[in-house]
Every structure is written in C-alpha cells, then in structure tokens.
C-alpha cells in the first residue's frame, strides 16, 4: 500500500510527496482546529445563553420585587389615609369637646352669678324676717 502511494507520486518527484504529506497534515490539524473552534463557540454560546438566562431571571426577580414594593406602598398609603382620617375625626371630636366645655363653663359662671344673687336675696329676706321677729318680740 505504501509502495502504491510512492508510485503515484514518483513521476512528480519527492517534493510533491512532501507537499502532499504537508497538505494531509495541514488538513488533519485544520479539521481538529475547526472541531475545537466549533466546540469552543458552542461553549461560549452556552455560557452566553446561561448568562442571558440569569440576567432574565434577575430582571424577573427585580420586577417581582417592584410589584411587591408597589403593593406594599399602596397598602401603606391606604393605612396612612385611614390614620389621617381618624386623626381628623379625633381633632373634630376634641374641638367639639372644647366647645362643649366652654359652654358648660359659661353656664357654670352664669349659675354661680345667679346663685350669688339668690344668696343676697335670701340674706335680705332673712334680715327682714329677723327685723320683723325682733319687732314683735321686743314690743
């Protein structure tokens, strides 16, 4: 078999045999290089695909956190609104109590003044009764 190959290249000289051998070696290593290059490209593509999947997962997680944060902020805002409404109600109630206290205080002051007036009248009546009593007993 080797002699058959040598006979094919014999008319062309030893340079052609060496050239053919060099072409075969170049094709062999070229094929290996090409296969390794394809495998490396596939690995890079897989790495890039995994990186993109991780990025997409991160984007999805971030979107989920943003949705949850928005919902939480909505609940907080609603709670704050209820608190503000309650505070306003309490302020109104306190204003009502203050007004009621002022009215009661004014009524108390008025009642005290009337009571003092009535006490003066009762004192005057008692003095009259004492005077009449003294007149009747001393006469």
N, C-alpha and C. Protein backbone atom coordinates (compact mmCIF):
# COMPACT_ATOMS: atom_id res chain seq x y z
N UNK A 1 0.82 -1.17 0.00
CA UNK A 1 0.00 0.00 0.00
C UNK A 1 0.88 1.26 0.00
N UNK A 2 1.91 1.29 0.81
CA UNK A 2 2.82 2.43 0.83
C UNK A 2 3.53 2.54 -0.52
N UNK A 3 3.86 1.39 -1.09
CA UNK A 3 4.54 1.43 -2.39
C UNK A 3 3.60 1.97 -3.46
N UNK A 4 2.30 1.69 -3.34
CA UNK A 4 1.33 2.22 -4.32
C UNK A 4 1.31 3.76 -4.24
N UNK A 5 1.36 4.28 -3.03
CA UNK A 5 1.33 5.75 -2.84
C UNK A 5 2.62 6.34 -3.41
N UNK A 6 3.74 5.65 -3.14
CA UNK A 6 5.00 6.15 -3.65
C UNK A 6 5.03 6.14 -5.18
N UNK A 7 4.43 5.11 -5.78
CA UNK A 7 4.40 5.02 -7.24
C UNK A 7 3.55 6.13 -7.85
N UNK A 8 2.49 6.55 -7.09
CA UNK A 8 1.64 7.63 -7.61
C UNK A 8 2.42 8.93 -7.66
N UNK A 9 3.25 9.17 -6.66
CA UNK A 9 3.98 10.45 -6.58
C UNK A 9 5.38 10.38 -7.23
N UNK A 10 5.80 9.20 -7.64
CA UNK A 10 7.14 9.06 -8.20
C UNK A 10 7.35 9.94 -9.43
N UNK A 11 6.42 10.04 -10.36
CA UNK A 11 6.69 10.90 -11.53
C UNK A 11 6.81 12.37 -11.18
N UNK A 12 6.29 12.78 -10.05
CA UNK A 12 6.30 14.22 -9.69
C UNK A 12 7.49 14.58 -8.81
N UNK A 13 8.20 13.66 -8.30
CA UNK A 13 9.39 13.91 -7.52
C UNK A 13 9.10 13.89 -6.02
N UNK A 14 10.17 13.91 -5.22
CA UNK A 14 9.99 13.83 -3.76
C UNK A 14 9.33 15.07 -3.18
N UNK A 15 9.47 16.20 -3.83
CA UNK A 15 8.85 17.43 -3.33
C UNK A 15 7.34 17.34 -3.33
N UNK A 16 6.81 16.69 -4.35
CA UNK A 16 5.35 16.57 -4.43
C UNK A 16 4.84 15.64 -3.34
N UNK A 17 5.63 14.58 -3.03
CA UNK A 17 5.24 13.67 -1.95
C UNK A 17 5.24 14.43 -0.62
N UNK A 18 6.31 15.22 -0.44
CA UNK A 18 6.38 16.00 0.79
C UNK A 18 5.25 17.04 0.83
N UNK A 19 4.94 17.63 -0.30
CA UNK A 19 3.86 18.62 -0.38
C UNK A 19 2.52 17.97 -0.08
N UNK A 20 2.30 16.78 -0.64
CA UNK A 20 1.04 16.07 -0.38
C UNK A 20 0.94 15.72 1.09
N UNK A 21 2.08 15.25 1.64
CA UNK A 21 2.10 14.91 3.06
C UNK A 21 1.82 16.16 3.91
N UNK A 22 2.40 17.26 3.52
CA UNK A 22 2.17 18.51 4.23
C UNK A 22 0.72 18.94 4.13
N UNK A 23 0.11 18.77 2.97
CA UNK A 23 -1.32 19.10 2.80
C UNK A 23 -2.16 18.20 3.68
N UNK A 24 -1.84 16.91 3.73
CA UNK A 24 -2.61 15.98 4.58
C UNK A 24 -2.49 16.37 6.06
N UNK A 25 -1.27 16.69 6.49
CA UNK A 25 -1.07 17.09 7.88
C UNK A 25 -1.84 18.39 8.16
N UNK A 26 -1.77 19.32 7.20
CA UNK A 26 -2.49 20.59 7.37
C UNK A 26 -3.99 20.33 7.44
N UNK A 27 -4.52 19.45 6.59
CA UNK A 27 -5.95 19.11 6.62
C UNK A 27 -6.33 18.46 7.95
N UNK A 28 -5.47 17.54 8.44
CA UNK A 28 -5.75 16.86 9.71
C UNK A 28 -5.81 17.86 10.86
N UNK A 29 -4.76 18.70 10.96
CA UNK A 29 -4.76 19.67 12.04
C UNK A 29 -5.83 20.75 11.84
N UNK A 30 -6.07 21.09 10.58
CA UNK A 30 -7.13 22.05 10.28
C UNK A 30 -8.49 21.53 10.72
N UNK A 31 -8.74 20.24 10.48
CA UNK A 31 -10.01 19.62 10.89
C UNK A 31 -10.11 19.65 12.41
N UNK A 32 -9.01 19.30 13.11
CA UNK A 32 -9.03 19.32 14.57
C UNK A 32 -9.24 20.75 15.09
N UNK A 33 -8.56 21.70 14.44
CA UNK A 33 -8.71 23.09 14.85
C UNK A 33 -10.15 23.55 14.65
N UNK A 34 -10.72 23.16 13.51
CA UNK A 34 -12.09 23.54 13.21
C UNK A 34 -13.07 22.91 14.21
N UNK A 35 -12.87 21.65 14.55
CA UNK A 35 -13.73 20.99 15.54
C UNK A 35 -13.60 21.66 16.91
N UNK A 36 -12.36 21.97 17.31
CA UNK A 36 -12.14 22.64 18.59
C UNK A 36 -12.76 24.04 18.57
N UNK A 37 -12.63 24.73 17.43
CA UNK A 37 -13.20 26.06 17.29
C UNK A 37 -14.72 26.01 17.42
N UNK A 38 -15.35 25.02 16.78
CA UNK A 38 -16.81 24.85 16.89
C UNK A 38 -17.22 24.52 18.32
N UNK A 39 -16.47 23.63 18.96
CA UNK A 39 -16.77 23.26 20.35
C UNK A 39 -16.63 24.48 21.27
N UNK A 40 -15.59 25.27 21.05
CA UNK A 40 -15.38 26.46 21.87
C UNK A 40 -16.51 27.46 21.64
N UNK A 41 -16.92 27.62 20.39
CA UNK A 41 -18.03 28.52 20.09
C UNK A 41 -19.32 28.04 20.76
N UNK A 42 -19.55 26.73 20.76
CA UNK A 42 -20.73 26.18 21.43
C UNK A 42 -20.67 26.45 22.94
N UNK A 43 -19.47 26.25 23.52
CA UNK A 43 -19.33 26.53 24.96
C UNK A 43 -19.59 28.01 25.25
N UNK A 44 -19.03 28.87 24.39
CA UNK A 44 -19.27 30.30 24.58
C UNK A 44 -20.76 30.61 24.43
N UNK A 45 -21.37 29.98 23.44
CA UNK A 45 -22.80 30.22 23.23
C UNK A 45 -23.61 29.74 24.44
N UNK A 46 -23.23 28.57 24.99
CA UNK A 46 -23.91 28.07 26.19
C UNK A 46 -23.70 29.01 27.37
N UNK A 47 -22.46 29.48 27.53
CA UNK A 47 -22.17 30.41 28.62
C UNK A 47 -22.98 31.70 28.45
N UNK A 48 -22.99 32.20 27.20
CA UNK A 48 -23.76 33.42 26.92
C UNK A 48 -25.25 33.19 27.17
N UNK A 49 -25.74 32.01 26.76
CA UNK A 49 -27.15 31.70 26.96
C UNK A 49 -27.47 31.62 28.45
N UNK A 50 -26.58 30.97 29.21
CA UNK A 50 -26.80 30.88 30.66
C UNK A 50 -26.74 32.27 31.29
N UNK A 51 -25.82 33.10 30.84
CA UNK A 51 -25.71 34.46 31.35
C UNK A 51 -27.00 35.24 31.05
N UNK A 52 -27.50 35.08 29.83
CA UNK A 52 -28.74 35.76 29.46
C UNK A 52 -29.92 35.24 30.29
N UNK A 53 -29.93 33.93 30.55
CA UNK A 53 -30.99 33.37 31.40
C UNK A 53 -30.90 33.95 32.81
N UNK A 54 -29.68 34.05 33.35
CA UNK A 54 -29.50 34.64 34.69
C UNK A 54 -29.95 36.10 34.70
N UNK A 55 -29.56 36.82 33.64
CA UNK A 55 -29.98 38.22 33.55
C UNK A 55 -31.50 38.32 33.50
N UNK A 56 -32.11 37.44 32.71
CA UNK A 56 -33.58 37.47 32.61
C UNK A 56 -34.21 37.11 33.95
N UNK A 57 -33.62 36.13 34.64
CA UNK A 57 -34.12 35.77 35.98
C UNK A 57 -34.01 36.96 36.93
N UNK A 58 -32.87 37.66 36.86
CA UNK A 58 -32.68 38.84 37.71
C UNK A 58 -33.70 39.91 37.37
N UNK A 59 -33.95 40.10 36.07
CA UNK A 59 -34.95 41.09 35.66
C UNK A 59 -36.33 40.69 36.19
N UNK A 60 -36.65 39.41 36.07
CA UNK A 60 -37.95 38.93 36.57
C UNK A 60 -38.06 39.10 38.08
N UNK A 61 -36.98 38.77 38.80
CA UNK A 61 -36.98 38.94 40.26
C UNK A 61 -37.13 40.41 40.62
N UNK A 62 -36.41 41.27 39.92
CA UNK A 62 -36.50 42.71 40.17
C UNK A 62 -37.92 43.21 39.91
N UNK A 63 -38.52 42.73 38.82
CA UNK A 63 -39.89 43.13 38.51
C UNK A 63 -40.84 42.64 39.61
N UNK A 64 -40.63 41.42 40.09
CA UNK A 64 -41.47 40.88 41.16
C UNK A 64 -41.30 41.73 42.43
N UNK A 65 -40.06 42.06 42.77
CA UNK A 65 -39.82 42.91 43.95
C UNK A 65 -40.47 44.28 43.78
N UNK A 66 -40.37 44.82 42.56
CA UNK A 66 -41.00 46.12 42.30
C UNK A 66 -42.51 46.03 42.47
N UNK A 67 -43.12 44.94 41.97
CA UNK A 67 -44.57 44.77 42.13
C UNK A 67 -44.93 44.65 43.60
N UNK A 68 -44.14 43.85 44.34
CA UNK A 68 -44.41 43.69 45.78
C UNK A 68 -44.23 45.02 46.51
N UNK A 69 -43.18 45.77 46.14
CA UNK A 69 -42.95 47.06 46.78
C UNK A 69 -44.11 48.02 46.47
N UNK A 70 -44.57 48.00 45.23
CA UNK A 70 -45.69 48.86 44.85
C UNK A 70 -46.94 48.49 45.64
N UNK A 71 -47.19 47.19 45.79
CA UNK A 71 -48.34 46.76 46.57
C UNK A 71 -48.19 47.20 48.02
N UNK A 72 -46.99 47.04 48.56
CA UNK A 72 -46.74 47.44 49.95
C UNK A 72 -46.92 48.94 50.11
N UNK A 73 -46.39 49.70 49.16
CA UNK A 73 -46.55 51.15 49.23
C UNK A 73 -48.02 51.53 49.14
N UNK A 74 -48.79 50.81 48.32
CA UNK A 74 -50.23 51.06 48.22
C UNK A 74 -50.91 50.80 49.55
N UNK A 75 -50.54 49.69 50.20
CA UNK A 75 -51.14 49.37 51.49
C UNK A 75 -50.75 50.41 52.54
N UNK A 76 -49.47 50.83 52.51
CA UNK A 76 -49.02 51.84 53.46
C UNK A 76 -49.76 53.15 53.23
N UNK A 77 -49.92 53.53 51.96
CA UNK A 77 -50.62 54.77 51.64
C UNK A 77 -52.08 54.69 52.11
N UNK A 78 -52.72 53.55 51.90
CA UNK A 78 -54.11 53.38 52.35
C UNK A 78 -54.18 53.45 53.87
N UNK A 79 -53.23 52.82 54.55
CA UNK A 79 -53.21 52.86 56.02
C UNK A 79 -52.98 54.29 56.51
N UNK A 80 -52.08 55.00 55.85
CA UNK A 80 -51.83 56.39 56.24
C UNK A 80 -53.08 57.24 56.01
N UNK A 81 -53.79 56.98 54.93
CA UNK A 81 -55.02 57.72 54.66
C UNK A 81 -56.06 57.44 55.75
N UNK A 82 -56.18 56.18 56.15
CA UNK A 82 -57.11 55.84 57.24
C UNK A 82 -56.67 56.53 58.53
N UNK A 83 -55.37 56.52 58.80
CA UNK A 83 -54.85 57.17 60.01
C UNK A 83 -55.15 58.67 59.97
N UNK A 84 -54.92 59.29 58.82
CA UNK A 84 -55.19 60.72 58.70
C UNK A 84 -56.68 61.01 58.90
N UNK A 85 -57.53 60.14 58.36
CA UNK A 85 -58.97 60.31 58.55
C UNK A 85 -59.33 60.20 60.02
N UNK A 86 -58.75 59.20 60.71
CA UNK A 86 -59.01 59.05 62.14
C UNK A 86 -58.50 60.26 62.92
N UNK A 87 -57.33 60.75 62.56
CA UNK A 87 -56.78 61.91 63.25
C UNK A 87 -57.69 63.12 63.05
N UNK A 88 -58.16 63.32 61.83
CA UNK A 88 -59.08 64.43 61.56
C UNK A 88 -60.36 64.27 62.38
N UNK A 89 -60.86 63.04 62.47
CA UNK A 89 -62.05 62.78 63.28
C UNK A 89 -61.80 63.09 64.74
N UNK A 90 -60.62 62.70 65.22
CA UNK A 90 -60.27 62.98 66.62
C UNK A 90 -60.14 64.49 66.84
N UNK A 91 -59.57 65.21 65.89
CA UNK A 91 -59.46 66.66 66.01
C UNK A 91 -60.84 67.30 66.09
N UNK A 92 -61.74 66.85 65.23
CA UNK A 92 -63.11 67.37 65.24
C UNK A 92 -63.78 67.07 66.56
N UNK A 93 -63.60 65.85 67.06
CA UNK A 93 -64.18 65.48 68.34
C UNK A 93 -63.61 66.34 69.47
N UNK A 94 -62.30 66.56 69.46
CA UNK A 94 -61.69 67.38 70.50
C UNK A 94 -62.19 68.82 70.43
N UNK A 95 -62.34 69.34 69.22
CA UNK A 95 -62.89 70.69 69.07
C UNK A 95 -64.31 70.75 69.64
N UNK A 96 -65.07 69.71 69.38
CA UNK A 96 -66.44 69.63 69.91
C UNK A 96 -66.42 69.58 71.43
N UNK A 97 -65.50 68.80 72.01
CA UNK A 97 -65.40 68.69 73.47
C UNK A 97 -64.98 70.04 74.06
N UNK A 98 -64.03 70.72 73.42
CA UNK A 98 -63.58 72.02 73.90
C UNK A 98 -64.74 73.02 73.87
N UNK A 99 -65.48 73.02 72.77
CA UNK A 99 -66.63 73.92 72.65
C UNK A 99 -67.66 73.60 73.72
N UNK A 100 -67.92 72.31 73.91
CA UNK A 100 -68.88 71.89 74.93
C UNK A 100 -68.41 72.33 76.32
N UNK A 101 -67.12 72.16 76.59
CA UNK A 101 -66.58 72.59 77.89
C UNK A 101 -66.71 74.10 78.08
N UNK A 102 -66.47 74.85 77.00
CA UNK A 102 -66.61 76.30 77.09
C UNK A 102 -68.05 76.69 77.41
N UNK A 103 -69.01 76.02 76.76
CA UNK A 103 -70.43 76.29 77.02
C UNK A 103 -70.76 75.93 78.46
N UNK A 104 -70.29 74.77 78.91
CA UNK A 104 -70.56 74.36 80.30
C UNK A 104 -69.93 75.33 81.29
N UNK A 105 -68.73 75.80 80.99
CA UNK A 105 -68.06 76.76 81.87
C UNK A 105 -68.86 78.07 81.93
N UNK A 106 -69.32 78.53 80.77
CA UNK A 106 -70.13 79.76 80.74
C UNK A 106 -71.41 79.56 81.54
N UNK A 107 -72.06 78.39 81.39
CA UNK A 107 -73.28 78.10 82.17
C UNK A 107 -72.95 78.07 83.67
N UNK A 108 -71.80 77.49 84.03
CA UNK A 108 -71.41 77.43 85.43
C UNK A 108 -71.18 78.84 86.00
N UNK A 109 -70.49 79.68 85.24
CA UNK A 109 -70.24 81.05 85.68
C UNK A 109 -71.57 81.78 85.86
N UNK A 110 -72.47 81.60 84.89
CA UNK A 110 -73.79 82.23 84.95
C UNK A 110 -74.56 81.71 86.16
N UNK A 111 -74.51 80.42 86.38
CA UNK A 111 -75.21 79.81 87.51
C UNK A 111 -74.65 80.32 88.83
N UNK A 112 -73.30 80.44 88.89
CA UNK A 112 -72.68 80.96 90.12
C UNK A 112 -73.14 82.39 90.38
N UNK A 113 -73.19 83.19 89.32
CA UNK A 113 -73.63 84.58 89.48
C UNK A 113 -75.08 84.62 89.96
N UNK A 114 -75.93 83.79 89.39
CA UNK A 114 -77.34 83.75 89.82
C UNK A 114 -77.43 83.25 91.25
N UNK A 115 -76.62 82.26 91.60
CA UNK A 115 -76.64 81.76 92.97
C UNK A 115 -76.22 82.84 93.95
N UNK A 116 -75.22 83.64 93.61
CA UNK A 116 -74.80 84.73 94.48
C UNK A 116 -75.92 85.76 94.62
N UNK A 117 -76.59 86.03 93.51
CA UNK A 117 -77.73 86.96 93.56
C UNK A 117 -78.84 86.41 94.43
N UNK A 118 -79.12 85.13 94.29
CA UNK A 118 -80.16 84.50 95.12
C UNK A 118 -79.73 84.49 96.58
N UNK A 119 -78.44 84.27 96.84
CA UNK A 119 -77.94 84.28 98.22
C UNK A 119 -78.12 85.66 98.82
N UNK A 120 -77.88 86.70 98.04
CA UNK A 120 -78.06 88.07 98.53
C UNK A 120 -79.53 88.32 98.84
N UNK A 121 -80.41 87.81 97.96
CA UNK A 121 -81.85 87.99 98.19
C UNK A 121 -82.29 87.24 99.45
N UNK A 122 -81.78 86.03 99.61
CA UNK A 122 -82.14 85.24 100.79
C UNK A 122 -81.63 85.95 102.04
N UNK A 123 -80.44 86.52 101.98
CA UNK A 123 -79.88 87.25 103.11
C UNK A 123 -80.75 88.47 103.44
N UNK A 124 -81.17 89.15 102.40
CA UNK A 124 -82.04 90.30 102.59
C UNK A 124 -83.37 89.88 103.22
N UNK A 125 -83.92 88.77 102.71
CA UNK A 125 -85.20 88.27 103.27
C UNK A 125 -84.98 87.86 104.72
N UNK A 126 -83.91 87.19 105.03
CA UNK A 126 -83.63 86.76 106.41
C UNK A 126 -83.50 87.98 107.33
N UNK A 127 -82.80 89.00 106.82
CA UNK A 127 -82.67 90.22 107.63
C UNK A 127 -84.04 90.84 107.90
N UNK A 128 -84.90 90.86 106.93
CA UNK A 128 -86.24 91.40 107.10
C UNK A 128 -87.03 90.58 108.11
N UNK A 129 -86.91 89.22 107.92
CA UNK A 129 -87.65 88.35 108.84
C UNK A 129 -87.13 88.57 110.26
N UNK A 130 -85.82 88.67 110.43
CA UNK A 130 -85.25 88.91 111.75
C UNK A 130 -85.72 90.25 112.31
N UNK A 131 -85.78 91.24 111.47
CA UNK A 131 -86.23 92.55 111.89
C UNK A 131 -87.69 92.50 112.35
N UNK A 132 -88.51 91.83 111.57
CA UNK A 132 -89.93 91.69 111.93
C UNK A 132 -90.06 90.88 113.21
N UNK A 133 -89.28 89.85 113.32
CA UNK A 133 -89.34 89.00 114.51
C UNK A 133 -88.91 89.80 115.76
N UNK A 134 -87.85 90.57 115.59
CA UNK A 134 -87.37 91.37 116.71
C UNK A 134 -88.40 92.42 117.10
N UNK A 135 -89.08 93.01 116.16
CA UNK A 135 -90.10 93.99 116.43
C UNK A 135 -91.24 93.37 117.20
N UNK A 136 -91.62 92.22 116.84
CA UNK A 136 -92.75 91.57 117.51
C UNK A 136 -92.37 91.10 118.89
N UNK A 137 -91.23 90.64 119.09
CA UNK A 137 -90.82 90.15 120.40
C UNK A 137 -90.37 91.28 121.33
N UNK A 138 -89.94 92.32 120.80
CA UNK A 138 -89.50 93.43 121.64
C UNK A 138 -90.65 94.37 121.93
N UNK A 139 -91.64 94.33 121.30
CA UNK A 139 -92.73 95.24 121.55
C UNK A 139 -93.66 94.78 122.60
